[in-house]
Amino acid sequence: MKKFVKKLTNTDFYEMRISVNNEVRIVLFSADNENINLAKCIIFLNGFIKKSTKDYEKAIDRAINILRTILE
């Protein structure tokens, strides 16, 4: 069985993977509980097509900025 959602190491974000036509699309999100099943609030922040592992750094920085804007 393939996991579609996992927590990103060393961050407060999770990723949801979606495979479409041999492309992997990633949606980063944040939840108000470590256990997704117990979360009352989930905020989808940023989505991108994964081409390399370098894409994660940019996407995480963008997700942080989006989350800061939302929480202000």
PDB file of N, CA and C in Angstrom:
ATOM      1  N   MET A   1       0.850  -1.186   0.000  1.00  0.00           N
ATOM      2  CA  MET A   1       0.000   0.000   0.000  1.00  0.00           C
ATOM      3  C   MET A   1       0.894   1.247   0.000  1.00  0.00           C
ATOM      4  N   LYS A   2       0.557   2.191  -0.801  1.00  0.00           N
ATOM      5  CA  LYS A   2       1.351   3.407  -0.930  1.00  0.00           C
ATOM      6  C   LYS A   2       0.770   4.508  -0.054  1.00  0.00           C
ATOM      7  N   LYS A   3       1.638   5.211   0.656  1.00  0.00           N
ATOM      8  CA  LYS A   3       1.181   6.330   1.473  1.00  0.00           C
ATOM      9  C   LYS A   3       0.975   7.553   0.598  1.00  0.00           C
ATOM     10  N   PHE A   4      -0.117   8.240   0.853  1.00  0.00           N
ATOM     11  CA  PHE A   4      -0.403   9.457   0.098  1.00  0.00           C
ATOM     12  C   PHE A   4      -0.113  10.701   0.916  1.00  0.00           C
ATOM     13  N   VAL A   5      -0.129  10.565   2.251  1.00  0.00           N
ATOM     14  CA  VAL A   5       0.121  11.697   3.136  1.00  0.00           C
ATOM     15  C   VAL A   5       1.218  11.318   4.113  1.00  0.00           C
ATOM     16  N   LYS A   6       2.196  12.217   4.278  1.00  0.00           N
ATOM     17  CA  LYS A   6       3.230  11.979   5.282  1.00  0.00           C
ATOM     18  C   LYS A   6       3.738  13.306   5.819  1.00  0.00           C
ATOM     19  N   LYS A   7       4.297  13.259   7.013  1.00  0.00           N
ATOM     20  CA  LYS A   7       4.872  14.441   7.650  1.00  0.00           C
ATOM     21  C   LYS A   7       6.273  14.646   7.094  1.00  0.00           C
ATOM     22  N   LEU A   8       6.595  15.872   6.759  1.00  0.00           N
ATOM     23  CA  LEU A   8       7.941  16.189   6.285  1.00  0.00           C
ATOM     24  C   LEU A   8       8.874  16.319   7.478  1.00  0.00           C
ATOM     25  N   THR A   9      10.017  15.690   7.414  1.00  0.00           N
ATOM     26  CA  THR A   9      10.961  15.732   8.528  1.00  0.00           C
ATOM     27  C   THR A   9      11.505  17.138   8.724  1.00  0.00           C
ATOM     28  N   ASN A  10      11.708  17.484   9.976  1.00  0.00           N
ATOM     29  CA  ASN A  10      12.273  18.774  10.389  1.00  0.00           C
ATOM     30  C   ASN A  10      11.399  19.972  10.000  1.00  0.00           C
ATOM     31  N   THR A  11      10.107  19.751   9.775  1.00  0.00           N
ATOM     32  CA  THR A  11       9.180  20.854   9.500  1.00  0.00           C
ATOM     33  C   THR A  11       7.879  20.591  10.242  1.00  0.00           C
ATOM     34  N   ASP A  12       6.996  21.578  10.200  1.00  0.00           N
ATOM     35  CA  ASP A  12       5.650  21.411  10.763  1.00  0.00           C
ATOM     36  C   ASP A  12       4.640  21.089   9.668  1.00  0.00           C
ATOM     37  N   PHE A  13       5.115  20.761   8.484  1.00  0.00           N
ATOM     38  CA  PHE A  13       4.242  20.556   7.341  1.00  0.00           C
ATOM     39  C   PHE A  13       4.095  19.082   6.976  1.00  0.00           C
ATOM     40  N   TYR A  14       3.001  18.818   6.275  1.00  0.00           N
ATOM     41  CA  TYR A  14       2.726  17.499   5.739  1.00  0.00           C
ATOM     42  C   TYR A  14       2.664  17.628   4.228  1.00  0.00           C
ATOM     43  N   GLU A  15       2.841  16.509   3.531  1.00  0.00           N
ATOM     44  CA  GLU A  15       2.684  16.518   2.083  1.00  0.00           C
ATOM     45  C   GLU A  15       1.628  15.503   1.685  1.00  0.00           C
ATOM     46  N   MET A  16       0.868  15.861   0.667  1.00  0.00           N
ATOM     47  CA  MET A  16      -0.075  14.944   0.057  1.00  0.00           C
ATOM     48  C   MET A  16       0.413  14.735  -1.366  1.00  0.00           C
ATOM     49  N   ARG A  17       0.644  13.479  -1.742  1.00  0.00           N
ATOM     50  CA  ARG A  17       1.149  13.158  -3.078  1.00  0.00           C
ATOM     51  C   ARG A  17       0.009  12.711  -3.975  1.00  0.00           C
ATOM     52  N   ILE A  18       0.016  13.249  -5.170  1.00  0.00           N
ATOM     53  CA  ILE A  18      -0.987  12.885  -6.165  1.00  0.00           C
ATOM     54  C   ILE A  18      -0.236  12.543  -7.452  1.00  0.00           C
ATOM     55  N   SER A  19      -0.444  11.347  -7.973  1.00  0.00           N
ATOM     56  CA  SER A  19       0.195  10.942  -9.227  1.00  0.00           C
ATOM     57  C   SER A  19      -0.769  11.170 -10.377  1.00  0.00           C
ATOM     58  N   VAL A  20      -0.295  11.936 -11.368  1.00  0.00           N
ATOM     59  CA  VAL A  20      -1.110  12.249 -12.545  1.00  0.00           C
ATOM     60  C   VAL A  20      -0.219  12.139 -13.779  1.00  0.00           C
ATOM     61  N   ASN A  21      -0.569  11.238 -14.691  1.00  0.00           N
ATOM     62  CA  ASN A  21       0.174  11.098 -15.957  1.00  0.00           C
ATOM     63  C   ASN A  21       1.685  11.058 -15.763  1.00  0.00           C
ATOM     64  N   ASN A  22       2.161  10.190 -14.917  1.00  0.00           N
ATOM     65  CA  ASN A  22       3.597  10.009 -14.642  1.00  0.00           C
ATOM     66  C   ASN A  22       4.253  11.219 -13.991  1.00  0.00           C
ATOM     67  N   GLU A  23       3.473  12.135 -13.476  1.00  0.00           N
ATOM     68  CA  GLU A  23       3.994  13.273 -12.715  1.00  0.00           C
ATOM     69  C   GLU A  23       3.545  13.106 -11.270  1.00  0.00           C
ATOM     70  N   VAL A  24       4.401  13.550 -10.370  1.00  0.00           N
ATOM     71  CA  VAL A  24       4.029  13.549  -8.960  1.00  0.00           C
ATOM     72  C   VAL A  24       3.748  14.988  -8.568  1.00  0.00           C
ATOM     73  N   ARG A  25       2.537  15.222  -8.122  1.00  0.00           N
ATOM     74  CA  ARG A  25       2.142  16.555  -7.659  1.00  0.00           C
ATOM     75  C   ARG A  25       2.080  16.513  -6.149  1.00  0.00           C
ATOM     76  N   ILE A  26       2.621  17.539  -5.526  1.00  0.00           N
ATOM     77  CA  ILE A  26       2.713  17.612  -4.078  1.00  0.00           C
ATOM     78  C   ILE A  26       1.899  18.808  -3.594  1.00  0.00           C
ATOM     79  N   VAL A  27       1.115  18.599  -2.556  1.00  0.00           N
ATOM     80  CA  VAL A  27       0.402  19.686  -1.897  1.00  0.00           C
ATOM     81  C   VAL A  27       0.887  19.719  -0.457  1.00  0.00           C
ATOM     82  N   LEU A  28       1.449  20.845  -0.038  1.00  0.00           N
ATOM     83  CA  LEU A  28       1.899  21.008   1.341  1.00  0.00           C
ATOM     84  C   LEU A  28       0.760  21.572   2.174  1.00  0.00           C
ATOM     85  N   PHE A  29       0.642  21.048   3.393  1.00  0.00           N
ATOM     86  CA  PHE A  29      -0.402  21.551   4.275  1.00  0.00           C
ATOM     87  C   PHE A  29       0.041  21.471   5.716  1.00  0.00           C
ATOM     88  N   SER A  30      -0.690  22.179   6.554  1.00  0.00           N
ATOM     89  CA  SER A  30      -0.430  22.218   7.985  1.00  0.00           C
ATOM     90  C   SER A  30      -1.689  21.776   8.706  1.00  0.00           C
ATOM     91  N   ALA A  31      -1.507  21.135   9.858  1.00  0.00           N
ATOM     92  CA  ALA A  31      -2.644  20.680  10.658  1.00  0.00           C
ATOM     93  C   ALA A  31      -2.424  21.088  12.104  1.00  0.00           C
ATOM     94  N   ASP A  32      -3.517  21.211  12.850  1.00  0.00           N
ATOM     95  CA  ASP A  32      -3.422  21.642  14.241  1.00  0.00           C
ATOM     96  C   ASP A  32      -3.212  20.477  15.215  1.00  0.00           C
ATOM     97  N   ASN A  33      -2.903  19.292  14.685  1.00  0.00           N
ATOM     98  CA  ASN A  33      -2.648  18.139  15.534  1.00  0.00           C
ATOM     99  C   ASN A  33      -1.637  17.241  14.829  1.00  0.00           C
ATOM    100  N   GLU A  34      -0.729  16.649  15.585  1.00  0.00           N
ATOM    101  CA  GLU A  34       0.255  15.733  14.998  1.00  0.00           C
ATOM    102  C   GLU A  34      -0.433  14.549  14.322  1.00  0.00           C
ATOM    103  N   ASN A  35      -1.556  14.129  14.874  1.00  0.00           N
ATOM    104  CA  ASN A  35      -2.328  13.033  14.304  1.00  0.00           C
ATOM    105  C   ASN A  35      -3.373  13.626  13.366  1.00  0.00           C
ATOM    106  N   ILE A  36      -3.225  13.386  12.084  1.00  0.00           N
ATOM    107  CA  ILE A  36      -4.118  13.965  11.083  1.00  0.00           C
ATOM    108  C   ILE A  36      -5.573  13.597  11.357  1.00  0.00           C
ATOM    109  N   ASN A  37      -5.794  12.385  11.844  1.00  0.00           N
ATOM    110  CA  ASN A  37      -7.164  11.936  12.101  1.00  0.00           C
ATOM    111  C   ASN A  37      -7.840  12.727  13.215  1.00  0.00           C
ATOM    112  N   LEU A  38      -7.057  13.340  14.104  1.00  0.00           N
ATOM    113  CA  LEU A  38      -7.612  14.118  15.209  1.00  0.00           C
ATOM    114  C   LEU A  38      -7.614  15.623  14.944  1.00  0.00           C
ATOM    115  N   ALA A  39      -7.089  16.028  13.805  1.00  0.00           N
ATOM    116  CA  ALA A  39      -6.989  17.453  13.478  1.00  0.00           C
ATOM    117  C   ALA A  39      -8.371  18.069  13.288  1.00  0.00           C
ATOM    118  N   LYS A  40      -8.547  19.264  13.837  1.00  0.00           N
ATOM    119  CA  LYS A  40      -9.790  20.010  13.661  1.00  0.00           C
ATOM    120  C   LYS A  40      -9.657  21.038  12.545  1.00  0.00           C
ATOM    121  N   CYS A  41      -8.408  21.404  12.240  1.00  0.00           N
ATOM    122  CA  CYS A  41      -8.164  22.417  11.213  1.00  0.00           C
ATOM    123  C   CYS A  41      -6.972  21.979  10.359  1.00  0.00           C
ATOM    124  N   ILE A  42      -7.168  21.925   9.059  1.00  0.00           N
ATOM    125  CA  ILE A  42      -6.110  21.622   8.107  1.00  0.00           C
ATOM    126  C   ILE A  42      -6.106  22.741   7.076  1.00  0.00           C
ATOM    127  N   ILE A  43      -4.917  23.311   6.842  1.00  0.00           N
ATOM    128  CA  ILE A  43      -4.794  24.422   5.900  1.00  0.00           C
ATOM    129  C   ILE A  43      -3.880  23.980   4.759  1.00  0.00           C
ATOM    130  N   PHE A  44      -4.429  23.903   3.543  1.00  0.00           N
ATOM    131  CA  PHE A  44      -3.627  23.588   2.374  1.00  0.00           C
ATOM    132  C   PHE A  44      -2.918  24.866   1.949  1.00  0.00           C
ATOM    133  N   LEU A  45      -1.588  24.774   1.786  1.00  0.00           N
ATOM    134  CA  LEU A  45      -0.790  25.980   1.619  1.00  0.00           C
ATOM    135  C   LEU A  45      -0.191  26.160   0.227  1.00  0.00           C
ATOM    136  N   ASN A  46       0.369  25.104  -0.329  1.00  0.00           N
ATOM    137  CA  ASN A  46       1.139  25.281  -1.545  1.00  0.00           C
ATOM    138  C   ASN A  46       1.157  23.968  -2.317  1.00  0.00           C
ATOM    139  N   GLY A  47       1.062  24.050  -3.621  1.00  0.00           N
ATOM    140  CA  GLY A  47       1.141  22.863  -4.461  1.00  0.00           C
ATOM    141  C   GLY A  47       2.169  23.057  -5.551  1.00  0.00           C
ATOM    142  N   PHE A  48       2.819  21.954  -5.950  1.00  0.00           N
ATOM    143  CA  PHE A  48       3.820  22.027  -7.009  1.00  0.00           C
ATOM    144  C   PHE A  48       4.010  20.661  -7.640  1.00  0.00           C
ATOM    145  N   ILE A  49       4.588  20.651  -8.829  1.00  0.00           N
ATOM    146  CA  ILE A  49       4.939  19.405  -9.507  1.00  0.00           C
ATOM    147  C   ILE A  49       6.373  19.077  -9.121  1.00  0.00           C
ATOM    148  N   LYS A  50       6.560  17.895  -8.569  1.00  0.00           N
ATOM    149  CA  LYS A  50       7.894  17.509  -8.097  1.00  0.00           C
ATOM    150  C   LYS A  50       8.771  17.126  -9.280  1.00  0.00           C
ATOM    151  N   LYS A  51       9.860  17.851  -9.425  1.00  0.00           N
ATOM    152  CA  LYS A  51      10.834  17.545 -10.464  1.00  0.00           C
ATOM    153  C   LYS A  51      12.150  17.084  -9.841  1.00  0.00           C
ATOM    154  N   SER A  52      12.472  17.640  -8.675  1.00  0.00           N
ATOM    155  CA  SER A  52      13.680  17.236  -7.955  1.00  0.00           C
ATOM    156  C   SER A  52      13.474  17.544  -6.475  1.00  0.00           C
ATOM    157  N   THR A  53      14.417  17.095  -5.650  1.00  0.00           N
ATOM    158  CA  THR A  53      14.297  17.353  -4.215  1.00  0.00           C
ATOM    159  C   THR A  53      14.516  18.830  -3.889  1.00  0.00           C
ATOM    160  N   LYS A  54      15.126  19.571  -4.805  1.00  0.00           N
ATOM    161  CA  LYS A  54      15.327  21.005  -4.589  1.00  0.00           C
ATOM    162  C   LYS A  54      14.007  21.769  -4.566  1.00  0.00           C
ATOM    163  N   ASP A  55      12.991  21.205  -5.213  1.00  0.00           N
ATOM    164  CA  ASP A  55      11.682  21.852  -5.250  1.00  0.00           C
ATOM    165  C   ASP A  55      11.104  22.010  -3.850  1.00  0.00           C
ATOM    166  N   TYR A  56      11.455  21.105  -2.944  1.00  0.00           N
ATOM    167  CA  TYR A  56      10.901  21.143  -1.600  1.00  0.00           C
ATOM    168  C   TYR A  56      11.323  22.395  -0.835  1.00  0.00           C
ATOM    169  N   GLU A  57      12.580  22.795  -0.954  1.00  0.00           N
ATOM    170  CA  GLU A  57      13.066  23.974  -0.218  1.00  0.00           C
ATOM    171  C   GLU A  57      12.267  25.211  -0.591  1.00  0.00           C
ATOM    172  N   LYS A  58      12.083  25.444  -1.870  1.00  0.00           N
ATOM    173  CA  LYS A  58      11.315  26.605  -2.334  1.00  0.00           C
ATOM    174  C   LYS A  58       9.863  26.510  -1.885  1.00  0.00           C
ATOM    175  N   ALA A  59       9.291  25.325  -2.004  1.00  0.00           N
ATOM    176  CA  ALA A  59       7.883  25.135  -1.647  1.00  0.00           C
ATOM    177  C   ALA A  59       7.668  25.312  -0.145  1.00  0.00           C
ATOM    178  N   ILE A  60       8.601  24.835   0.666  1.00  0.00           N
ATOM    179  CA  ILE A  60       8.482  24.990   2.121  1.00  0.00           C
ATOM    180  C   ILE A  60       8.604  26.459   2.495  1.00  0.00           C
ATOM    181  N   ASP A  61       9.541  27.179   1.895  1.00  0.00           N
ATOM    182  CA  ASP A  61       9.672  28.616   2.159  1.00  0.00           C
ATOM    183  C   ASP A  61       8.387  29.350   1.786  1.00  0.00           C
ATOM    184  N   ARG A  62       7.821  28.983   0.665  1.00  0.00           N
ATOM    185  CA  ARG A  62       6.573  29.621   0.232  1.00  0.00           C
ATOM    186  C   ARG A  62       5.428  29.281   1.190  1.00  0.00           C
ATOM    187  N   ALA A  63       5.362  28.031   1.633  1.00  0.00           N
ATOM    188  CA  ALA A  63       4.316  27.612   2.572  1.00  0.00           C
ATOM    189  C   ALA A  63       4.439  28.365   3.895  1.00  0.00           C
ATOM    190  N   ILE A  64       5.665  28.578   4.354  1.00  0.00           N
ATOM    191  CA  ILE A  64       5.886  29.340   5.590  1.00  0.00           C
ATOM    192  C   ILE A  64       5.362  30.759   5.424  1.00  0.00           C
ATOM    193  N   ASN A  65       5.673  31.386   4.303  1.00  0.00           N
ATOM    194  CA  ASN A  65       5.202  32.756   4.056  1.00  0.00           C
ATOM    195  C   ASN A  65       3.682  32.824   3.963  1.00  0.00           C
ATOM    196  N   ILE A  66       3.069  31.850   3.305  1.00  0.00           N
ATOM    197  CA  ILE A  66       1.608  31.823   3.205  1.00  0.00           C
ATOM    198  C   ILE A  66       0.992  31.657   4.581  1.00  0.00           C
ATOM    199  N   LEU A  67       1.535  30.737   5.384  1.00  0.00           N
ATOM    200  CA  LEU A  67       1.002  30.496   6.723  1.00  0.00           C
ATOM    201  C   LEU A  67       1.141  31.731   7.601  1.00  0.00           C
ATOM    202  N   ARG A  68       2.279  32.421   7.518  1.00  0.00           N
ATOM    203  CA  ARG A  68       2.476  33.662   8.284  1.00  0.00           C
ATOM    204  C   ARG A  68       1.427  34.700   7.902  1.00  0.00           C
ATOM    205  N   THR A  69       1.165  34.824   6.603  1.00  0.00           N
ATOM    206  CA  THR A  69       0.175  35.789   6.137  1.00  0.00           C
ATOM    207  C   THR A  69      -1.215  35.450   6.682  1.00  0.00           C
ATOM    208  N   ILE A  70      -1.551  34.180   6.677  1.00  0.00           N
ATOM    209  CA  ILE A  70      -2.855  33.750   7.165  1.00  0.00           C
ATOM    210  C   ILE A  70      -2.996  34.004   8.663  1.00  0.00           C
ATOM    211  N   LEU A  71      -1.941  33.767   9.427  1.00  0.00           N
ATOM    212  CA  LEU A  71      -1.996  33.865  10.879  1.00  0.00           C
ATOM    213  C   LEU A  71      -1.842  35.287  11.407  1.00  0.00           C
ATOM    214  N   GLU A  72      -1.497  36.234  10.553  1.00  0.00           N
ATOM    215  CA  GLU A  72      -1.335  37.620  11.011  1.00  0.00           C
ATOM    216  C   GLU A  72      -2.644  38.257  11.335  1.00  0.00           C
TER     217      GLU A  72
END
